[in-house]
C-alpha atoms as a PDB file:
ATOM      1  CA  MET A   1      -7.802  -9.009 -20.644  1.00  0.00           C
ATOM      2  CA  ALA A   2      -4.627  -9.013 -22.477  1.00  0.00           C
ATOM      3  CA  GLY A   3      -5.440  -7.234 -25.671  1.00  0.00           C
ATOM      4  CA  GLY A   4      -8.292  -5.302 -24.868  1.00  0.00           C
ATOM      5  CA  ARG A   5      -9.443  -1.827 -22.610  1.00  0.00           C
ATOM      6  CA  GLU A   6      -9.814  -3.289 -18.731  1.00  0.00           C
ATOM      7  CA  HIS A   7     -12.050  -0.484 -17.522  1.00  0.00           C
ATOM      8  CA  VAL A   8     -12.143  -1.957 -14.160  1.00  0.00           C
ATOM      9  CA  CYS A   9      -9.723  -1.370 -11.527  1.00  0.00           C
ATOM     10  CA  ARG A  10      -9.471  -3.539  -8.491  1.00  0.00           C
ATOM     11  CA  HIS A  11      -6.351  -3.021  -6.008  1.00  0.00           C
ATOM     12  CA  VAL A  12      -4.958   0.510  -6.238  1.00  0.00           C
ATOM     13  CA  GLY A  13      -1.723   1.097  -4.138  1.00  0.00           C
ATOM     14  CA  ILE A  14      -0.592   4.329  -3.252  1.00  0.00           C
ATOM     15  CA  ILE A  15       2.860   5.654  -2.785  1.00  0.00           C
ATOM     16  CA  MET A  16       1.316   8.770   0.401  1.00  0.00           C
ATOM     17  CA  ASP A  17       4.201  10.802  -0.358  1.00  0.00           C
ATOM     18  CA  GLY A  18       5.062  14.521   0.644  1.00  0.00           C
ATOM     19  CA  ASN A  19       3.628  14.521   4.492  1.00  0.00           C
ATOM     20  CA  GLY A  20       6.925  16.228   5.671  1.00  0.00           C
ATOM     21  CA  ARG A  21       7.793  18.722   2.847  1.00  0.00           C
ATOM     22  CA  TRP A  22       3.371  19.916   3.320  1.00  0.00           C
ATOM     23  CA  ALA A  23       4.476  20.738   7.059  1.00  0.00           C
ATOM     24  CA  GLN A  24       8.204  22.778   5.825  1.00  0.00           C
ATOM     25  CA  ALA A  25       5.700  24.482   3.330  1.00  0.00           C
ATOM     26  CA  ARG A  26       3.350  25.742   6.571  1.00  0.00           C
ATOM     27  CA  GLY A  27       6.087  26.621   8.235  1.00  0.00           C
ATOM     28  CA  LEU A  28       5.360  23.724  11.065  1.00  0.00           C
ATOM     29  CA  PRO A  29       7.277  20.272  12.528  1.00  0.00           C
ATOM     30  CA  ARG A  30       7.463  17.271   9.796  1.00  0.00           C
ATOM     31  CA  THR A  31       5.138  15.710  12.229  1.00  0.00           C
ATOM     32  CA  SER A  32       2.771  17.688  11.545  1.00  0.00           C
ATOM     33  CA  GLY A  33       2.641  16.299   8.145  1.00  0.00           C
ATOM     34  CA  HIS A  34       2.232  12.988   9.041  1.00  0.00           C
ATOM     35  CA  LEU A  35      -0.717  13.656  11.526  1.00  0.00           C
ATOM     36  CA  GLU A  36      -2.205  14.921   8.452  1.00  0.00           C
ATOM     37  CA  GLY A  37      -1.597  12.322   6.434  1.00  0.00           C
ATOM     38  CA  LEU A  38      -2.805   9.734   8.757  1.00  0.00           C
ATOM     39  CA  LYS A  39      -6.475  11.754   8.096  1.00  0.00           C
ATOM     40  CA  THR A  40      -6.794  11.837   4.523  1.00  0.00           C
ATOM     41  CA  ALA A  41      -5.703   8.079   4.915  1.00  0.00           C
ATOM     42  CA  ARG A  42      -8.582   7.744   6.667  1.00  0.00           C
ATOM     43  CA  ARG A  43     -10.354   9.985   4.060  1.00  0.00           C
ATOM     44  CA  ILE A  44      -9.137   7.960   0.956  1.00  0.00           C
ATOM     45  CA  VAL A  45      -9.937   4.459   2.405  1.00  0.00           C
ATOM     46  CA  GLU A  46     -13.198   5.871   2.997  1.00  0.00           C
ATOM     47  CA  ALA A  47     -13.644   7.002  -0.527  1.00  0.00           C
ATOM     48  CA  ALA A  48     -12.136   3.816  -2.222  1.00  0.00           C
ATOM     49  CA  GLY A  49     -14.665   1.546   0.081  1.00  0.00           C
ATOM     50  CA  LYS A  50     -17.404   4.104  -1.764  1.00  0.00           C
ATOM     51  CA  LEU A  51     -16.052   3.671  -5.081  1.00  0.00           C
ATOM     52  CA  GLY A  52     -15.469   0.152  -4.953  1.00  0.00           C
ATOM     53  CA  LEU A  53     -12.430  -0.761  -5.125  1.00  0.00           C
ATOM     54  CA  SER A  54     -11.766  -3.896  -3.702  1.00  0.00           C
ATOM     55  CA  TYR A  55      -8.070  -4.013  -2.315  1.00  0.00           C
ATOM     56  CA  LEU A  56      -5.966  -0.787  -1.163  1.00  0.00           C
ATOM     57  CA  THR A  57      -2.491  -0.941  -0.106  1.00  0.00           C
ATOM     58  CA  LEU A  58      -0.753   2.212   1.426  1.00  0.00           C
ATOM     59  CA  TYR A  59       2.839   2.890   1.420  1.00  0.00           C
ATOM     60  CA  VAL A  60       3.192   3.669   5.413  1.00  0.00           C
ATOM     61  CA  PHE A  61       6.706   3.066   6.135  1.00  0.00           C
ATOM     62  CA  SER A  62       9.170   1.704   3.934  1.00  0.00           C
ATOM     63  CA  THR A  63      12.380  -0.277   4.685  1.00  0.00           C
ATOM     64  CA  GLU A  64      14.815   2.611   3.898  1.00  0.00           C
ATOM     65  CA  ASN A  65      12.281   5.032   6.176  1.00  0.00           C
ATOM     66  CA  TRP A  66      14.584   3.884   9.421  1.00  0.00           C
ATOM     67  CA  LYS A  67      17.523   5.980   8.103  1.00  0.00           C
ATOM     68  CA  ARG A  68      15.228   9.019   9.045  1.00  0.00           C
ATOM     69  CA  ALA A  69      15.596  11.255  11.993  1.00  0.00           C
ATOM     70  CA  GLN A  70      14.751   9.068  15.375  1.00  0.00           C
ATOM     71  CA  GLY A  71      12.262  11.694  16.403  1.00  0.00           C
ATOM     72  CA  GLU A  72      10.541  11.314  13.365  1.00  0.00           C
ATOM     73  CA  VAL A  73      10.455   7.578  12.761  1.00  0.00           C
ATOM     74  CA  ASP A  74       9.186   7.212  17.048  1.00  0.00           C
ATOM     75  CA  PHE A  75       6.267   9.588  16.058  1.00  0.00           C
ATOM     76  CA  ILE A  76       5.794   7.991  12.840  1.00  0.00           C
ATOM     77  CA  MET A  77       5.383   4.062  14.728  1.00  0.00           C
ATOM     78  CA  GLY A  78       3.469   5.854  17.346  1.00  0.00           C
ATOM     79  CA  LEU A  79       0.916   6.615  15.143  1.00  0.00           C
ATOM     80  CA  VAL A  80       0.616   3.680  13.301  1.00  0.00           C
ATOM     81  CA  LYS A  81       0.531   1.817  17.085  1.00  0.00           C
ATOM     82  CA  ALA A  82      -2.438   4.748  18.284  1.00  0.00           C
ATOM     83  CA  HIS A  83      -4.582   4.028  15.975  1.00  0.00           C
ATOM     84  CA  LEU A  84      -4.345   0.826  14.555  1.00  0.00           C
ATOM     85  CA  LEU A  85      -7.432  -0.479  16.935  1.00  0.00           C
ATOM     86  CA  ARG A  86      -8.652   3.252  17.766  1.00  0.00           C
ATOM     87  CA  GLU A  87     -10.391   2.882  14.207  1.00  0.00           C
ATOM     88  CA  MET A  88     -11.738  -0.687  14.592  1.00  0.00           C
ATOM     89  CA  ASP A  89     -15.278   1.267  14.898  1.00  0.00           C
ATOM     90  CA  PHE A  90     -14.736   2.880  11.346  1.00  0.00           C
ATOM     91  CA  TYR A  91     -13.189  -0.435  10.591  1.00  0.00           C
ATOM     92  CA  ARG A  92     -16.689  -2.509  11.210  1.00  0.00           C
ATOM     93  CA  GLU A  93     -18.727   0.586   9.938  1.00  0.00           C
ATOM     94  CA  ASN A  94     -17.208  -0.004   5.980  1.00  0.00           C
ATOM     95  CA  GLY A  95     -16.684  -3.656   6.680  1.00  0.00           C
ATOM     96  CA  ILE A  96     -12.862  -3.064   6.167  1.00  0.00           C
ATOM     97  CA  ARG A  97      -9.965  -6.144   6.285  1.00  0.00           C
ATOM     98  CA  ILE A  98      -6.600  -4.781   7.663  1.00  0.00           C
ATOM     99  CA  ARG A  99      -3.921  -6.858   6.491  1.00  0.00           C
ATOM    100  CA  HIS A 100       0.175  -5.789   6.153  1.00  0.00           C
ATOM    101  CA  ALA A 101       2.668  -6.241   4.020  1.00  0.00           C
ATOM    102  CA  GLY A 102       6.324  -6.352   4.963  1.00  0.00           C
ATOM    103  CA  ASP A 103       9.215  -8.146   7.282  1.00  0.00           C
ATOM    104  CA  GLU A 104       7.429  -7.329  10.979  1.00  0.00           C
ATOM    105  CA  THR A 105      10.575  -9.171  12.787  1.00  0.00           C
ATOM    106  CA  ALA A 106      11.886  -5.250  12.846  1.00  0.00           C
ATOM    107  CA  LEU A 107       8.897  -3.534  14.503  1.00  0.00           C
ATOM    108  CA  ASN A 108       8.671  -3.242  18.131  1.00  0.00           C
ATOM    109  CA  ALA A 109       6.722  -6.291  19.848  1.00  0.00           C
ATOM    110  CA  ASP A 110       3.697  -3.560  20.912  1.00  0.00           C
ATOM    111  CA  ILE A 111       3.229  -2.330  17.141  1.00  0.00           C
ATOM    112  CA  ARG A 112       3.230  -6.267  16.103  1.00  0.00           C
ATOM    113  CA  ALA A 113       0.740  -7.226  18.516  1.00  0.00           C
ATOM    114  CA  GLU A 114      -1.570  -3.965  17.643  1.00  0.00           C
ATOM    115  CA  LEU A 115      -1.212  -5.564  13.840  1.00  0.00           C
ATOM    116  CA  ARG A 116      -1.579  -8.989  14.377  1.00  0.00           C
ATOM    117  CA  LYS A 117      -5.088  -7.974  16.970  1.00  0.00           C
ATOM    118  CA  ALA A 118      -6.555  -5.339  14.486  1.00  0.00           C
ATOM    119  CA  MET A 119      -6.139  -8.200  11.319  1.00  0.00           C
ATOM    120  CA  ASP A 120      -7.347 -11.015  13.520  1.00  0.00           C
ATOM    121  CA  GLN A 121     -10.417  -8.677  14.436  1.00  0.00           C
ATOM    122  CA  THR A 122     -11.130  -7.742  10.578  1.00  0.00           C
ATOM    123  CA  LYS A 123     -10.301 -10.819   8.825  1.00  0.00           C
ATOM    124  CA  ASN A 124     -13.973 -11.684   8.407  1.00  0.00           C
ATOM    125  CA  PHE A 125     -14.889  -7.958   7.467  1.00  0.00           C
ATOM    126  CA  PRO A 126     -16.597  -8.783   3.733  1.00  0.00           C
ATOM    127  CA  GLY A 127     -15.801  -5.135   2.629  1.00  0.00           C
ATOM    128  CA  LEU A 128     -12.394  -3.058   1.046  1.00  0.00           C
ATOM    129  CA  GLN A 129      -8.974  -4.762   1.948  1.00  0.00           C
ATOM    130  CA  VAL A 130      -6.387  -2.479   3.005  1.00  0.00           C
ATOM    131  CA  VAL A 131      -2.744  -3.448   3.515  1.00  0.00           C
ATOM    132  CA  LEU A 132      -0.623  -1.794   5.237  1.00  0.00           C
ATOM    133  CA  ALA A 133       2.912  -2.040   3.739  1.00  0.00           C
ATOM    134  CA  LEU A 134       4.977  -1.562   6.859  1.00  0.00           C
ATOM    135  CA  ASN A 135       8.474  -2.102   7.144  1.00  0.00           C
ATOM    136  CA  TYR A 136       8.225  -3.071   3.725  1.00  0.00           C
ATOM    137  CA  GLY A 137      10.107  -3.143   0.309  1.00  0.00           C
ATOM    138  CA  GLY A 138       9.861  -4.597  -2.548  1.00  0.00           C
ATOM    139  CA  ARG A 139      13.679  -6.108  -3.111  1.00  0.00           C
ATOM    140  CA  ASP A 140      13.131  -7.365   0.663  1.00  0.00           C
ATOM    141  CA  GLU A 141       9.605  -8.662  -0.186  1.00  0.00           C
ATOM    142  CA  ILE A 142      11.139 -11.235  -3.109  1.00  0.00           C
ATOM    143  CA  VAL A 143      14.068 -12.251  -1.094  1.00  0.00           C
ATOM    144  CA  ARG A 144      12.048 -12.946   1.874  1.00  0.00           C
ATOM    145  CA  ALA A 145       9.535 -15.045  -0.662  1.00  0.00           C
ATOM    146  CA  VAL A 146      12.951 -17.273  -1.964  1.00  0.00           C
ATOM    147  CA  ARG A 147      13.586 -17.651   1.456  1.00  0.00           C
ATOM    148  CA  ARG A 148       9.918 -19.603   1.963  1.00  0.00           C
ATOM    149  CA  ALA A 149      10.639 -21.233  -0.610  1.00  0.00           C
ATOM    150  CA  ALA A 150      13.844 -22.507   0.288  1.00  0.00           C
ATOM    151  CA  ALA A 151      12.615 -23.515   3.562  1.00  0.00           C
ATOM    152  CA  ALA A 152       9.728 -25.050   1.839  1.00  0.00           C
ATOM    153  CA  GLY A 153      12.372 -27.451   0.450  1.00  0.00           C
ATOM    154  CA  VAL A 154      11.576 -25.683  -3.329  1.00  0.00           C
ATOM    155  CA  GLY A 155      15.158 -25.404  -4.798  1.00  0.00           C
ATOM    156  CA  ALA A 156      15.750 -22.232  -7.394  1.00  0.00           C
ATOM    157  CA  GLY A 157      15.142 -24.856 -10.246  1.00  0.00           C
ATOM    158  CA  GLY A 158      11.797 -25.702  -9.638  1.00  0.00           C
ATOM    159  CA  LEU A 159      10.588 -21.656  -9.036  1.00  0.00           C
ATOM    160  CA  ASP A 160       8.935 -20.212 -11.571  1.00  0.00           C
ATOM    161  CA  GLU A 161       6.769 -16.801 -11.748  1.00  0.00           C
ATOM    162  CA  LYS A 162       3.291 -18.900 -10.268  1.00  0.00           C
ATOM    163  CA  GLY A 163       5.428 -20.387  -7.861  1.00  0.00           C
ATOM    164  CA  LEU A 164       7.362 -17.733  -6.791  1.00  0.00           C
ATOM    165  CA  SER A 165       4.296 -15.506  -6.280  1.00  0.00           C
ATOM    166  CA  SER A 166       2.806 -17.775  -4.237  1.00  0.00           C
ATOM    167  CA  PHE A 167       5.574 -17.272  -1.726  1.00  0.00           C
ATOM    168  CA  LEU A 168       4.477 -13.340  -1.435  1.00  0.00           C
ATOM    169  CA  ASP A 169       3.457 -11.517   1.378  1.00  0.00           C
ATOM    170  CA  ASN A 170       0.033 -12.179   0.509  1.00  0.00           C
ATOM    171  CA  PRO A 171      -0.442 -14.128  -2.214  1.00  0.00           C
ATOM    172  CA  ASP A 172      -3.911 -14.399  -2.503  1.00  0.00           C
ATOM    173  CA  ILE A 173      -4.523 -10.670  -3.046  1.00  0.00           C
ATOM    174  CA  PRO A 174      -4.623 -10.164  -7.043  1.00  0.00           C
ATOM    175  CA  ASP A 175      -1.605  -7.602  -8.646  1.00  0.00           C
ATOM    176  CA  PRO A 176      -2.604  -4.041  -8.441  1.00  0.00           C
ATOM    177  CA  ASP A 177      -4.436  -2.734 -11.407  1.00  0.00           C
ATOM    178  CA  LEU A 178      -2.904   1.084 -10.389  1.00  0.00           C
ATOM    179  CA  ILE A 179       0.346   2.693  -8.738  1.00  0.00           C
ATOM    180  CA  VAL A 180      -0.249   5.917  -7.603  1.00  0.00           C
ATOM    181  CA  ARG A 181       2.499   8.393  -6.287  1.00  0.00           C
ATOM    182  CA  THR A 182       1.782  11.591  -4.627  1.00  0.00           C
ATOM    183  CA  GLY A 183       3.721  14.846  -3.942  1.00  0.00           C
ATOM    184  CA  GLY A 184       5.141  15.420  -7.442  1.00  0.00           C
ATOM    185  CA  ASP A 185       7.949  12.721  -7.824  1.00  0.00           C
ATOM    186  CA  PHE A 186       7.904   9.635 -10.445  1.00  0.00           C
ATOM    187  CA  ARG A 187       9.398   6.949  -8.790  1.00  0.00           C
ATOM    188  CA  SER A 188       8.546   3.493  -7.594  1.00  0.00           C
ATOM    189  CA  SER A 189      10.818   3.598  -4.406  1.00  0.00           C
ATOM    190  CA  ASN A 190      11.291  -0.105  -3.903  1.00  0.00           C
ATOM    191  CA  PHE A 191       7.317  -0.195  -3.575  1.00  0.00           C
ATOM    192  CA  LEU A 192       5.434  -3.619  -4.750  1.00  0.00           C
ATOM    193  CA  LEU A 193       8.474  -5.174  -7.303  1.00  0.00           C
ATOM    194  CA  TRP A 194       7.235  -7.801  -8.472  1.00  0.00           C
ATOM    195  CA  GLU A 195       3.445  -7.126  -7.956  1.00  0.00           C
ATOM    196  CA  SER A 196       3.782  -4.352 -10.171  1.00  0.00           C
ATOM    197  CA  ALA A 197       4.629  -5.470 -13.440  1.00  0.00           C
ATOM    198  CA  TYR A 198       1.917  -4.494 -15.381  1.00  0.00           C
ATOM    199  CA  ALA A 199       0.234  -2.069 -13.559  1.00  0.00           C
ATOM    200  CA  GLU A 200      -0.543   1.712 -14.815  1.00  0.00           C
ATOM    201  CA  PHE A 201       1.024   4.458 -12.946  1.00  0.00           C
ATOM    202  CA  ALA A 202      -0.309   7.892 -12.240  1.00  0.00           C
ATOM    203  CA  PHE A 203       1.439  11.022 -10.617  1.00  0.00           C
ATOM    204  CA  SER A 204      -0.006  13.620  -8.303  1.00  0.00           C
ATOM    205  CA  PRO A 205       1.957  16.909  -7.673  1.00  0.00           C
ATOM    206  CA  LYS A 206      -0.417  17.216  -4.582  1.00  0.00           C
ATOM    207  CA  PHE A 207       1.338  16.230  -1.405  1.00  0.00           C
ATOM    208  CA  TRP A 208      -0.680  13.584   0.088  1.00  0.00           C
ATOM    209  CA  PRO A 209      -2.253  15.215   3.132  1.00  0.00           C
ATOM    210  CA  ASP A 210      -3.852  17.741  -0.198  1.00  0.00           C
ATOM    211  CA  TRP A 211      -5.494  14.704  -1.324  1.00  0.00           C
ATOM    212  CA  THR A 212      -9.465  14.142  -1.309  1.00  0.00           C
ATOM    213  CA  GLU A 213     -11.553  11.947  -2.900  1.00  0.00           C
ATOM    214  CA  ALA A 214     -11.956  13.678  -5.902  1.00  0.00           C
ATOM    215  CA  ASP A 215      -8.530  13.439  -6.939  1.00  0.00           C
ATOM    216  CA  LEU A 216      -9.179   9.230  -6.514  1.00  0.00           C
ATOM    217  CA  ARG A 217     -11.835   9.478  -8.734  1.00  0.00           C
ATOM    218  CA  ASP A 218      -9.563  11.320 -11.336  1.00  0.00           C
ATOM    219  CA  ALA A 219      -7.261   8.411 -11.015  1.00  0.00           C
ATOM    220  CA  LEU A 220      -9.373   5.993 -11.767  1.00  0.00           C
ATOM    221  CA  ALA A 221     -11.112   7.718 -14.862  1.00  0.00           C
ATOM    222  CA  ASP A 222      -7.452   7.958 -16.424  1.00  0.00           C
ATOM    223  CA  PHE A 223      -7.084   4.370 -15.628  1.00  0.00           C
ATOM    224  CA  GLY A 224     -10.226   3.437 -17.332  1.00  0.00           C
ATOM    225  CA  SER A 225      -9.579   5.322 -20.567  1.00  0.00           C
ATOM    226  CA  ARG A 226      -6.067   3.370 -20.567  1.00  0.00           C
ATOM    227  CA  GLU A 227      -5.688   0.635 -22.960  1.00  0.00           C
ATOM    228  CA  ARG A 228      -3.931  -2.088 -20.899  1.00  0.00           C
ATOM    229  CA  ARG A 229      -2.153  -4.650 -23.699  1.00  0.00           C
ATOM    230  CA  TYR A 230       0.084  -6.445 -21.377  1.00  0.00           C
ATOM    231  CA  GLY A 231       3.234  -6.881 -24.160  1.00  0.00           C
ATOM    232  CA  ASP A 232       0.359  -7.844 -26.481  1.00  0.00           C
ATOM    233  CA  THR A 233       0.208  -5.906 -30.044  1.00  0.00           C
ATOM    234  CA  LYS A 234      -4.088  -6.699 -30.223  1.00  0.00           C
ATOM    235  CA  ARG A 235      -6.271  -3.677 -29.700  1.00  0.00           C
END
């Protein structure tokens, strides 16, 4: 509520950074960090459901990540493909609904198929909604939203903020209350640019593979102590 303290956090977005550096610090290949990061993602998804979150958006692979070494890109995409449906029992037991944000047209057909299966098979699950930001970029999402509006016959003169929001990837999902970035860097890296306009930000020095439920609890507790005024001066 504008002008007061808002202690309820419904939606958290996480920039899961530091997998490669975690591995390199241990003398391991970067791919080992991504594998460990996947285990952490599962752990944090489970914790988020326990802690009462309604939505969790995970920055899995950005539109800029294609610039990485081909072997690393292939490994990440292989992990995504292998685990989307392999975790179905986990989704079912925890009532987790899988969703997607990003441009799926650049993904391989087999990954698109697995992603759609996971979304279809979990669409009626009642618990935490996990949004996989895969081949996602905030600027790209805004551009695609404008194109969708144009395709629907809505000209620039007929667009306002609410109207444009309706053409985003997941218009029914509320904006994130909190954006967390692990790994020690202090930037948004093109993540949920439109939706994060009034999000609170938290930065953790820990690499993503080291993150635990306690870290998520700490971030939520810190969020709960903040005052969100949305540009208002009332207290």
